[in-house]
Amino acid sequence: MKPIHGVTIFKGDFREADLESALGGKADVVLSDMMPNVTGVPLVDQARAAEIARAAIELCRKSLKPDGAFLVKWIAPILRNLA
């Protein structure tokens, strides 16, 4: 991703970084464009994606300003043959 003036971009596992310290305070916006490695097993992939989304929500609880914005990528699974 190309640099954007006034924007801090983190690449890597945000769960292991001290983001608030790196930002110098709380974030105005958290944009989560993360997805786990796909296994091809829909229920496993959906659970892993949900785990990452929950972790991003926890990050927001700690590091997002009260009036900040949170945007998360979520790909709705297509569940077939589960009847």
N, C-alpha and C. Protein backbone atom coordinates (compact mmCIF):
# COMPACT_ATOMS: atom_id res chain seq x y z
N MET A 1 0.84 -1.17 0.00
CA MET A 1 0.00 0.00 0.00
C MET A 1 0.89 1.24 0.00
N LYS A 2 0.51 2.20 -0.81
CA LYS A 2 1.27 3.45 -0.89
C LYS A 2 1.04 4.27 0.38
N PRO A 3 2.07 4.97 0.83
CA PRO A 3 1.92 5.83 2.01
C PRO A 3 0.85 6.91 1.78
N ILE A 4 0.14 7.23 2.85
CA ILE A 4 -0.87 8.28 2.83
C ILE A 4 -0.50 9.28 3.92
N HIS A 5 -0.41 10.55 3.57
CA HIS A 5 -0.03 11.59 4.53
C HIS A 5 -0.98 11.58 5.72
N GLY A 6 -0.42 11.55 6.93
CA GLY A 6 -1.21 11.60 8.15
C GLY A 6 -1.80 10.26 8.57
N VAL A 7 -1.44 9.19 7.86
CA VAL A 7 -2.00 7.87 8.15
C VAL A 7 -0.86 6.94 8.58
N THR A 8 -1.10 6.21 9.66
CA THR A 8 -0.14 5.20 10.11
C THR A 8 -0.68 3.84 9.70
N ILE A 9 0.09 3.11 8.94
CA ILE A 9 -0.31 1.80 8.46
C ILE A 9 0.54 0.74 9.15
N PHE A 10 -0.12 -0.25 9.74
CA PHE A 10 0.58 -1.36 10.38
C PHE A 10 0.39 -2.60 9.55
N LYS A 11 1.47 -3.29 9.31
CA LYS A 11 1.42 -4.55 8.56
C LYS A 11 2.03 -5.60 9.48
N GLY A 12 1.27 -6.63 9.76
CA GLY A 12 1.74 -7.66 10.66
C GLY A 12 0.65 -8.03 11.64
N ASP A 13 1.00 -8.75 12.67
CA ASP A 13 0.04 -9.20 13.66
C ASP A 13 -0.18 -8.10 14.70
N PHE A 14 -1.29 -7.40 14.59
CA PHE A 14 -1.57 -6.28 15.48
C PHE A 14 -1.75 -6.74 16.93
N ARG A 15 -2.04 -8.01 17.13
CA ARG A 15 -2.24 -8.52 18.49
C ARG A 15 -0.92 -8.55 19.27
N GLU A 16 0.19 -8.49 18.56
CA GLU A 16 1.50 -8.56 19.20
C GLU A 16 2.19 -7.20 19.28
N ALA A 17 1.56 -6.16 18.79
CA ALA A 17 2.19 -4.83 18.75
C ALA A 17 1.56 -3.91 19.79
N ASP A 18 2.34 -2.97 20.27
CA ASP A 18 1.83 -1.93 21.17
C ASP A 18 1.41 -0.75 20.30
N LEU A 19 0.23 -0.86 19.70
CA LEU A 19 -0.19 0.13 18.71
C LEU A 19 -0.46 1.50 19.31
N GLU A 20 -1.07 1.54 20.48
CA GLU A 20 -1.38 2.85 21.07
C GLU A 20 -0.10 3.63 21.32
N SER A 21 0.92 2.94 21.78
CA SER A 21 2.21 3.59 22.00
C SER A 21 2.80 4.05 20.67
N ALA A 22 2.72 3.20 19.65
CA ALA A 22 3.27 3.55 18.33
C ALA A 22 2.52 4.72 17.70
N LEU A 23 1.21 4.81 17.97
CA LEU A 23 0.40 5.90 17.42
C LEU A 23 0.59 7.20 18.18
N GLY A 24 1.05 7.10 19.42
CA GLY A 24 1.16 8.28 20.25
C GLY A 24 -0.17 8.68 20.85
N GLY A 25 -1.10 7.77 20.92
CA GLY A 25 -2.43 8.03 21.47
C GLY A 25 -3.44 7.09 20.83
N LYS A 26 -4.69 7.44 20.94
CA LYS A 26 -5.75 6.60 20.39
C LYS A 26 -6.00 6.94 18.92
N ALA A 27 -6.51 5.95 18.19
CA ALA A 27 -6.73 6.08 16.75
C ALA A 27 -8.07 6.75 16.44
N ASP A 28 -8.10 7.49 15.33
CA ASP A 28 -9.35 8.07 14.82
C ASP A 28 -10.14 7.01 14.05
N VAL A 29 -9.42 6.16 13.33
CA VAL A 29 -10.04 5.13 12.48
C VAL A 29 -9.23 3.85 12.59
N VAL A 30 -9.95 2.73 12.66
CA VAL A 30 -9.32 1.42 12.54
C VAL A 30 -9.98 0.74 11.35
N LEU A 31 -9.16 0.39 10.37
CA LEU A 31 -9.62 -0.29 9.17
C LEU A 31 -8.99 -1.68 9.17
N SER A 32 -9.80 -2.69 9.28
CA SER A 32 -9.31 -4.06 9.34
C SER A 32 -9.57 -4.74 8.00
N ASP A 33 -8.49 -5.02 7.29
CA ASP A 33 -8.58 -5.69 5.99
C ASP A 33 -7.89 -7.06 6.09
N MET A 34 -8.16 -7.73 7.18
CA MET A 34 -7.47 -8.99 7.46
C MET A 34 -8.36 -10.18 7.18
N MET A 35 -7.74 -11.23 6.70
CA MET A 35 -8.40 -12.51 6.54
C MET A 35 -7.38 -13.59 6.85
N PRO A 36 -7.83 -14.69 7.43
CA PRO A 36 -6.91 -15.78 7.71
C PRO A 36 -6.58 -16.54 6.42
N ASN A 37 -5.54 -17.36 6.50
CA ASN A 37 -5.26 -18.25 5.38
C ASN A 37 -6.45 -19.20 5.23
N VAL A 38 -6.91 -19.37 4.01
CA VAL A 38 -8.09 -20.18 3.74
C VAL A 38 -7.71 -21.65 3.67
N THR A 39 -8.51 -22.48 4.36
CA THR A 39 -8.27 -23.92 4.36
C THR A 39 -9.13 -24.64 3.33
N GLY A 40 -10.24 -24.01 2.92
CA GLY A 40 -11.17 -24.67 2.03
C GLY A 40 -12.29 -25.37 2.78
N VAL A 41 -12.21 -25.37 4.11
CA VAL A 41 -13.27 -25.94 4.94
C VAL A 41 -14.09 -24.76 5.48
N PRO A 42 -15.30 -24.56 4.92
CA PRO A 42 -16.06 -23.35 5.24
C PRO A 42 -16.23 -23.05 6.73
N LEU A 43 -16.56 -24.05 7.53
CA LEU A 43 -16.78 -23.78 8.95
C LEU A 43 -15.48 -23.39 9.66
N VAL A 44 -14.37 -23.97 9.27
CA VAL A 44 -13.07 -23.61 9.85
C VAL A 44 -12.69 -22.19 9.42
N ASP A 45 -12.85 -21.90 8.13
CA ASP A 45 -12.50 -20.57 7.62
C ASP A 45 -13.36 -19.49 8.26
N GLN A 46 -14.65 -19.77 8.42
CA GLN A 46 -15.55 -18.79 9.05
C GLN A 46 -15.15 -18.56 10.50
N ALA A 47 -14.83 -19.61 11.23
CA ALA A 47 -14.43 -19.46 12.63
C ALA A 47 -13.14 -18.66 12.76
N ARG A 48 -12.19 -18.91 11.88
CA ARG A 48 -10.92 -18.16 11.93
C ARG A 48 -11.14 -16.69 11.59
N ALA A 49 -11.99 -16.42 10.61
CA ALA A 49 -12.29 -15.03 10.25
C ALA A 49 -13.00 -14.33 11.41
N ALA A 50 -13.90 -15.02 12.08
CA ALA A 50 -14.60 -14.44 13.23
C ALA A 50 -13.63 -14.14 14.36
N GLU A 51 -12.66 -15.02 14.57
CA GLU A 51 -11.65 -14.81 15.61
C GLU A 51 -10.84 -13.54 15.33
N ILE A 52 -10.46 -13.33 14.09
CA ILE A 52 -9.71 -12.12 13.73
C ILE A 52 -10.58 -10.88 13.90
N ALA A 53 -11.85 -10.96 13.50
CA ALA A 53 -12.76 -9.81 13.66
C ALA A 53 -12.94 -9.47 15.14
N ARG A 54 -13.09 -10.50 15.99
CA ARG A 54 -13.22 -10.26 17.43
C ARG A 54 -11.96 -9.60 17.99
N ALA A 55 -10.81 -10.04 17.54
CA ALA A 55 -9.55 -9.44 18.00
C ALA A 55 -9.47 -7.97 17.58
N ALA A 56 -9.95 -7.66 16.38
CA ALA A 56 -9.96 -6.27 15.90
C ALA A 56 -10.91 -5.42 16.75
N ILE A 57 -12.03 -6.00 17.16
CA ILE A 57 -12.97 -5.28 18.03
C ILE A 57 -12.31 -5.00 19.38
N GLU A 58 -11.59 -5.98 19.92
CA GLU A 58 -10.88 -5.77 21.18
C GLU A 58 -9.84 -4.67 21.04
N LEU A 59 -9.14 -4.64 19.90
CA LEU A 59 -8.18 -3.58 19.64
C LEU A 59 -8.88 -2.22 19.69
N CYS A 60 -10.05 -2.14 19.08
CA CYS A 60 -10.80 -0.88 19.07
C CYS A 60 -11.20 -0.46 20.48
N ARG A 61 -11.58 -1.40 21.31
CA ARG A 61 -11.96 -1.07 22.68
C ARG A 61 -10.80 -0.42 23.43
N LYS A 62 -9.58 -0.81 23.09
CA LYS A 62 -8.40 -0.29 23.77
C LYS A 62 -7.81 0.93 23.08
N SER A 63 -7.85 0.96 21.75
CA SER A 63 -7.05 1.93 21.00
C SER A 63 -7.80 2.91 20.13
N LEU A 64 -9.13 2.83 20.09
CA LEU A 64 -9.92 3.72 19.24
C LEU A 64 -10.53 4.84 20.08
N LYS A 65 -10.46 6.05 19.56
CA LYS A 65 -11.10 7.19 20.25
C LYS A 65 -12.59 6.92 20.39
N PRO A 66 -13.24 7.48 21.42
CA PRO A 66 -14.67 7.24 21.63
C PRO A 66 -15.54 7.60 20.41
N ASP A 67 -15.15 8.62 19.66
CA ASP A 67 -15.92 9.01 18.48
C ASP A 67 -15.27 8.51 17.20
N GLY A 68 -14.38 7.52 17.33
CA GLY A 68 -13.67 6.98 16.18
C GLY A 68 -14.53 6.05 15.34
N ALA A 69 -14.00 5.64 14.21
CA ALA A 69 -14.71 4.77 13.28
C ALA A 69 -13.96 3.45 13.12
N PHE A 70 -14.71 2.37 12.97
CA PHE A 70 -14.16 1.04 12.79
C PHE A 70 -14.80 0.42 11.55
N LEU A 71 -13.97 -0.04 10.64
CA LEU A 71 -14.44 -0.70 9.42
C LEU A 71 -13.73 -2.04 9.32
N VAL A 72 -14.50 -3.10 9.18
CA VAL A 72 -13.92 -4.45 9.11
C VAL A 72 -14.40 -5.15 7.86
N LYS A 73 -13.47 -5.87 7.21
CA LYS A 73 -13.83 -6.67 6.05
C LYS A 73 -14.42 -7.99 6.56
N TRP A 74 -15.55 -8.33 6.01
CA TRP A 74 -16.16 -9.60 6.37
C TRP A 74 -16.73 -10.22 5.12
N ILE A 75 -16.31 -11.41 4.82
CA ILE A 75 -16.82 -12.13 3.66
C ILE A 75 -17.79 -13.17 4.17
N ALA A 76 -19.06 -12.98 3.83
CA ALA A 76 -20.09 -13.92 4.29
C ALA A 76 -19.87 -15.28 3.63
N PRO A 77 -19.83 -16.31 4.44
CA PRO A 77 -19.59 -17.64 3.87
C PRO A 77 -20.81 -18.13 3.11
N ILE A 78 -20.56 -18.92 2.14
CA ILE A 78 -21.63 -19.59 1.40
C ILE A 78 -21.68 -21.01 1.95
N LEU A 79 -22.69 -21.26 2.74
CA LEU A 79 -22.80 -22.57 3.38
C LEU A 79 -23.69 -23.48 2.54
N ARG A 80 -23.13 -24.58 2.10
CA ARG A 80 -23.88 -25.52 1.28
C ARG A 80 -23.87 -26.89 1.93
N ASN A 81 -24.87 -27.65 1.67
CA ASN A 81 -24.95 -29.06 2.10
C ASN A 81 -24.81 -29.20 3.60
N LEU A 82 -25.38 -28.27 4.36
CA LEU A 82 -25.34 -28.40 5.81
C LEU A 82 -26.65 -28.92 6.38
N ALA A 83 -27.58 -29.24 5.52
CA ALA A 83 -28.89 -29.72 5.97
C ALA A 83 -28.81 -31.15 6.48
